[in-house]
Amino acid sequence: MSYAQRKQLSGNPAVSIFLTVAVVGSLMYAIVTGLAYDVIKKTAENLKVIDVEQQPPPPQQPPPPPKDMPKVPPPPVTPPPLVQVNTPPPPTIQTVVAPAIPPVAPPVIAPPAPPAPPPPRKTQSASPAAGDVRTLFSADDYPASAAAAGAEGTAQATLTIGPDGRVSGCNLIRSTGNSSLDSATCNILRRRAKFSPAKDSNGNPTSDSYTTPPIRWQLEG
């Protein structure tokens, strides 16, 4: 390639770029199709010969200043108004401290109360036999020894009445002064006296006591 041709190519950037693309494409084709090494070497030499010189663009001339243009002062610039933003104060953090919990003492378990004692048994006074117990005595009951001695007197006894209504005990609380009369008094009451037995609160027969009226021993005549 002559100097004139290279000069002409360097003056036309588009032609230079086209040639460069063509050469590179040929080189790639030669590599792909397996061309001989000399073709690749020759192509590489041709690439070295091409010297693309790109002319710098001519400097731009500043535009001429306008002629007799009136000088207009720039418009006044008004600063934007200040906008006051009411920023809320930061929230107040209130710390709540829980009161200390005193230790709880274990409950005191009281021992169970003892069972209440059963109510006392209520008894009814034994009722005497029909009539007065003094009717149980007759003149035939007067002891012979006491009659011979002319002994007289008044006796009174406390009787123990069993659940069957019979006299189970006799205790003289007032003596006649004569042992025969005292013994005869308790013996007659044990044999002849018959009472209605006393009853407890449940209605069951129970024992009780009974005090006799004064019993008078007196000789006839």
Protein backbone atom coordinates (compact mmCIF):
# COMPACT_ATOMS: atom_id res chain seq x y z
CA MET A 1 0.00 0.00 0.00
CA SER A 2 1.47 3.36 -1.09
CA TYR A 3 1.89 6.31 1.13
CA ALA A 4 -0.76 8.17 -0.82
CA GLN A 5 -3.24 5.37 -0.17
CA ARG A 6 -2.38 5.27 3.53
CA LYS A 7 -2.73 9.02 3.68
CA GLN A 8 -6.09 8.76 2.04
CA LEU A 9 -7.18 6.02 4.42
CA SER A 10 -5.99 7.93 7.43
CA GLY A 11 -8.03 10.90 6.36
CA ASN A 12 -11.26 8.84 6.25
CA PRO A 13 -12.09 7.26 9.66
CA ALA A 14 -15.08 5.31 8.38
CA VAL A 15 -13.06 3.53 5.72
CA SER A 16 -10.38 2.73 8.26
CA ILE A 17 -12.87 1.22 10.65
CA PHE A 18 -14.43 -0.84 7.84
CA LEU A 19 -11.09 -2.17 6.76
CA THR A 20 -10.17 -3.02 10.30
CA VAL A 21 -13.40 -4.97 10.74
CA ALA A 22 -12.84 -6.80 7.45
CA VAL A 23 -9.31 -7.75 8.35
CA VAL A 24 -10.33 -8.98 11.81
CA GLY A 25 -13.19 -10.98 10.31
CA SER A 26 -10.83 -12.54 7.76
CA LEU A 27 -8.41 -13.42 10.54
CA MET A 28 -11.13 -15.07 12.58
CA TYR A 29 -12.33 -16.98 9.52
CA ALA A 30 -8.82 -18.16 8.80
CA ILE A 31 -8.43 -19.38 12.37
CA VAL A 32 -11.78 -21.18 12.30
CA THR A 33 -11.32 -22.84 8.87
CA GLY A 34 -7.75 -23.87 9.63
CA LEU A 35 -5.90 -21.76 7.01
CA ALA A 36 -2.18 -22.08 6.70
CA TYR A 37 0.15 -20.34 9.05
CA ASP A 38 1.53 -18.13 6.27
CA VAL A 39 -1.87 -16.67 5.61
CA ILE A 40 -2.17 -15.75 9.28
CA LYS A 41 1.35 -14.31 9.20
CA LYS A 42 0.67 -12.30 6.07
CA THR A 43 -2.52 -10.94 7.50
CA ALA A 44 -0.71 -9.94 10.66
CA GLU A 45 1.90 -8.06 8.57
CA ASN A 46 -0.80 -6.22 6.69
CA LEU A 47 -2.29 -5.23 10.02
CA LYS A 48 1.00 -3.75 11.10
CA VAL A 49 1.28 -1.71 7.91
CA ILE A 50 -2.06 0.02 8.39
CA ASP A 51 -1.53 3.17 10.38
CA VAL A 52 -4.77 4.88 11.09
CA GLU A 53 -4.23 8.44 11.95
CA GLN A 54 -7.30 10.24 13.14
CA GLN A 55 -7.21 13.96 12.59
CA PRO A 56 -8.21 15.92 15.68
CA PRO A 57 -11.32 17.97 15.16
CA PRO A 58 -10.71 21.66 14.50
CA PRO A 59 -11.00 23.80 17.62
CA GLN A 60 -14.39 25.42 18.05
CA GLN A 61 -14.30 29.17 17.86
CA PRO A 62 -16.22 30.97 20.59
CA PRO A 63 -19.25 32.81 19.29
CA PRO A 64 -18.78 36.52 18.85
CA PRO A 65 -20.21 38.65 21.64
CA PRO A 66 -23.56 40.25 20.91
CA LYS A 67 -23.46 43.79 19.78
CA ASP A 68 -25.05 46.56 21.82
CA MET A 69 -27.09 44.23 24.03
CA PRO A 70 -28.64 46.06 26.99
CA LYS A 71 -27.37 44.84 30.31
CA VAL A 72 -30.32 43.51 32.23
CA PRO A 73 -29.70 43.07 35.94
CA PRO A 74 -30.55 39.61 37.25
CA PRO A 75 -33.93 39.34 38.93
CA PRO A 76 -33.84 39.61 42.70
CA VAL A 77 -33.78 36.26 44.41
CA THR A 78 -36.14 36.03 47.34
CA PRO A 79 -35.06 33.41 49.85
CA PRO A 80 -37.78 30.91 50.71
CA PRO A 81 -39.56 31.58 54.01
CA LEU A 82 -38.35 29.71 56.98
CA VAL A 83 -40.78 26.98 57.97
CA GLN A 84 -40.85 26.34 61.66
CA VAL A 85 -41.48 22.71 62.42
CA ASN A 86 -42.87 22.06 65.87
CA THR A 87 -40.87 19.07 66.95
CA PRO A 88 -42.63 17.26 69.79
CA PRO A 89 -40.51 16.76 72.86
CA PRO A 90 -39.14 13.27 73.33
CA PRO A 91 -41.47 10.99 75.29
CA THR A 92 -40.79 10.75 78.97
CA ILE A 93 -40.03 7.21 80.01
CA GLN A 94 -41.44 6.49 83.41
CA THR A 95 -39.87 3.63 85.24
CA VAL A 96 -42.28 1.71 87.44
CA VAL A 97 -40.61 -0.19 90.21
CA ALA A 98 -42.70 -3.00 91.61
CA PRO A 99 -42.86 -3.06 95.41
CA ALA A 100 -40.95 -5.79 97.08
CA ILE A 101 -43.15 -8.73 97.96
CA PRO A 102 -42.56 -9.82 101.52
CA PRO A 103 -42.02 -13.51 101.99
CA VAL A 104 -45.18 -15.36 102.75
CA ALA A 105 -45.01 -17.47 105.84
CA PRO A 106 -46.33 -20.97 105.44
CA PRO A 107 -49.85 -21.38 106.77
CA VAL A 108 -50.11 -22.73 110.25
CA ILE A 109 -52.34 -25.76 110.27
CA ALA A 110 -54.07 -26.07 113.58
CA PRO A 111 -54.60 -29.56 114.87
CA PRO A 112 -58.15 -30.79 114.53
CA ALA A 113 -60.33 -30.02 117.49
CA PRO A 114 -61.21 -33.00 119.64
CA PRO A 115 -64.71 -34.30 119.16
CA ALA A 116 -67.30 -32.77 121.41
CA PRO A 117 -68.24 -34.94 124.36
CA PRO A 118 -71.63 -36.56 124.11
CA PRO A 119 -74.39 -34.64 125.85
CA PRO A 120 -75.16 -35.80 129.35
CA ARG A 121 -77.90 -38.27 129.64
CA LYS A 122 -81.07 -36.69 130.76
CA THR A 123 -83.20 -38.78 133.07
CA GLN A 124 -86.73 -38.44 134.21
CA SER A 125 -87.57 -38.85 137.86
CA ALA A 126 -88.99 -42.26 138.58
CA SER A 127 -92.67 -42.12 139.29
CA PRO A 128 -93.84 -44.01 142.38
CA ALA A 129 -96.33 -46.78 142.30
CA ALA A 130 -99.95 -45.92 142.44
CA GLY A 131 -100.80 -44.36 145.82
CA ASP A 132 -98.41 -43.42 148.53
CA VAL A 133 -95.53 -45.72 149.50
CA ARG A 134 -96.76 -45.31 153.04
CA THR A 135 -99.76 -47.46 152.14
CA LEU A 136 -97.33 -50.30 151.61
CA PHE A 137 -97.02 -50.60 155.43
CA SER A 138 -99.63 -52.21 157.78
CA ALA A 139 -99.93 -52.99 161.52
CA ASP A 140 -98.92 -56.58 160.81
CA ASP A 141 -95.50 -55.29 159.61
CA TYR A 142 -94.62 -53.91 163.11
CA PRO A 143 -91.58 -55.83 164.37
CA ALA A 144 -92.40 -57.87 167.52
CA SER A 145 -89.17 -56.84 169.24
CA ALA A 146 -89.90 -53.16 168.65
CA ALA A 147 -93.51 -53.56 169.82
CA ALA A 148 -92.39 -55.38 172.96
CA ALA A 149 -89.94 -52.62 173.70
CA GLY A 150 -92.57 -49.97 172.93
CA ALA A 151 -90.31 -48.42 170.26
CA GLU A 152 -91.80 -45.81 167.89
CA GLY A 153 -90.30 -43.40 165.40
CA THR A 154 -90.25 -41.85 161.88
CA ALA A 155 -88.02 -43.14 159.05
CA GLN A 156 -87.14 -41.68 155.62
CA ALA A 157 -85.04 -43.37 152.91
CA THR A 158 -83.49 -42.67 149.49
CA LEU A 159 -84.17 -45.52 147.11
CA THR A 160 -82.22 -46.54 144.03
CA ILE A 161 -84.64 -47.49 141.23
CA GLY A 162 -83.34 -49.86 138.54
CA PRO A 163 -84.28 -49.86 134.84
CA ASP A 164 -86.93 -52.46 135.66
CA GLY A 165 -88.62 -50.15 138.18
CA ARG A 166 -87.59 -52.26 141.14
CA VAL A 167 -85.79 -50.94 144.24
CA SER A 168 -82.16 -52.01 144.02
CA GLY A 169 -80.87 -49.95 146.98
CA CYS A 170 -82.18 -48.35 150.18
CA ASN A 171 -80.35 -45.75 152.24
CA LEU A 172 -81.97 -44.29 155.37
CA ILE A 173 -81.54 -40.54 155.57
CA ARG A 174 -83.68 -40.40 158.74
CA SER A 175 -83.62 -43.10 161.42
CA THR A 176 -86.38 -44.11 163.83
CA GLY A 177 -83.85 -44.72 166.57
CA ASN A 178 -84.64 -48.40 166.58
CA SER A 179 -82.71 -50.85 164.44
CA SER A 180 -85.65 -53.19 164.04
CA LEU A 181 -87.88 -50.42 162.71
CA ASP A 182 -85.13 -49.14 160.37
CA SER A 183 -84.51 -52.62 158.95
CA ALA A 184 -88.24 -53.26 158.52
CA THR A 185 -88.60 -49.98 156.57
CA CYS A 186 -85.99 -50.86 153.88
CA ASN A 187 -87.09 -54.51 153.69
CA ILE A 188 -90.73 -53.63 152.99
CA LEU A 189 -89.71 -51.02 150.34
CA ARG A 190 -87.44 -53.47 148.51
CA ARG A 191 -90.13 -56.18 148.40
CA ARG A 192 -93.24 -54.19 147.69
CA ALA A 193 -92.35 -50.93 146.01
CA LYS A 194 -92.75 -50.82 142.21
CA PHE A 195 -91.93 -47.71 140.18
CA SER A 196 -92.10 -46.67 136.59
CA PRO A 197 -88.42 -46.64 135.53
CA ALA A 198 -86.76 -43.43 134.54
CA LYS A 199 -85.85 -42.89 130.87
CA ASP A 200 -82.87 -41.15 129.23
CA SER A 201 -83.02 -38.59 126.41
CA ASN A 202 -83.37 -41.38 123.86
CA GLY A 203 -86.36 -42.87 125.69
CA ASN A 204 -84.45 -45.88 127.02
CA PRO A 205 -85.09 -47.04 130.63
CA THR A 206 -82.31 -46.08 133.03
CA SER A 207 -81.53 -46.07 136.75
CA ASP A 208 -82.62 -43.24 139.03
CA SER A 209 -83.08 -42.37 142.69
CA TYR A 210 -86.18 -41.59 144.71
CA THR A 211 -86.60 -40.10 148.20
CA THR A 212 -89.55 -41.41 150.19
CA PRO A 213 -91.78 -39.25 152.28
CA PRO A 214 -91.44 -39.64 156.10
CA ILE A 215 -92.73 -43.03 157.25
CA ARG A 216 -94.23 -43.02 160.82
CA TRP A 217 -94.02 -46.15 162.99
CA GLN A 218 -96.52 -45.85 165.88
CA LEU A 219 -98.11 -48.40 168.26
CA GLU A 220 -101.93 -48.56 168.59
CA GLY A 221 -103.75 -47.83 171.80
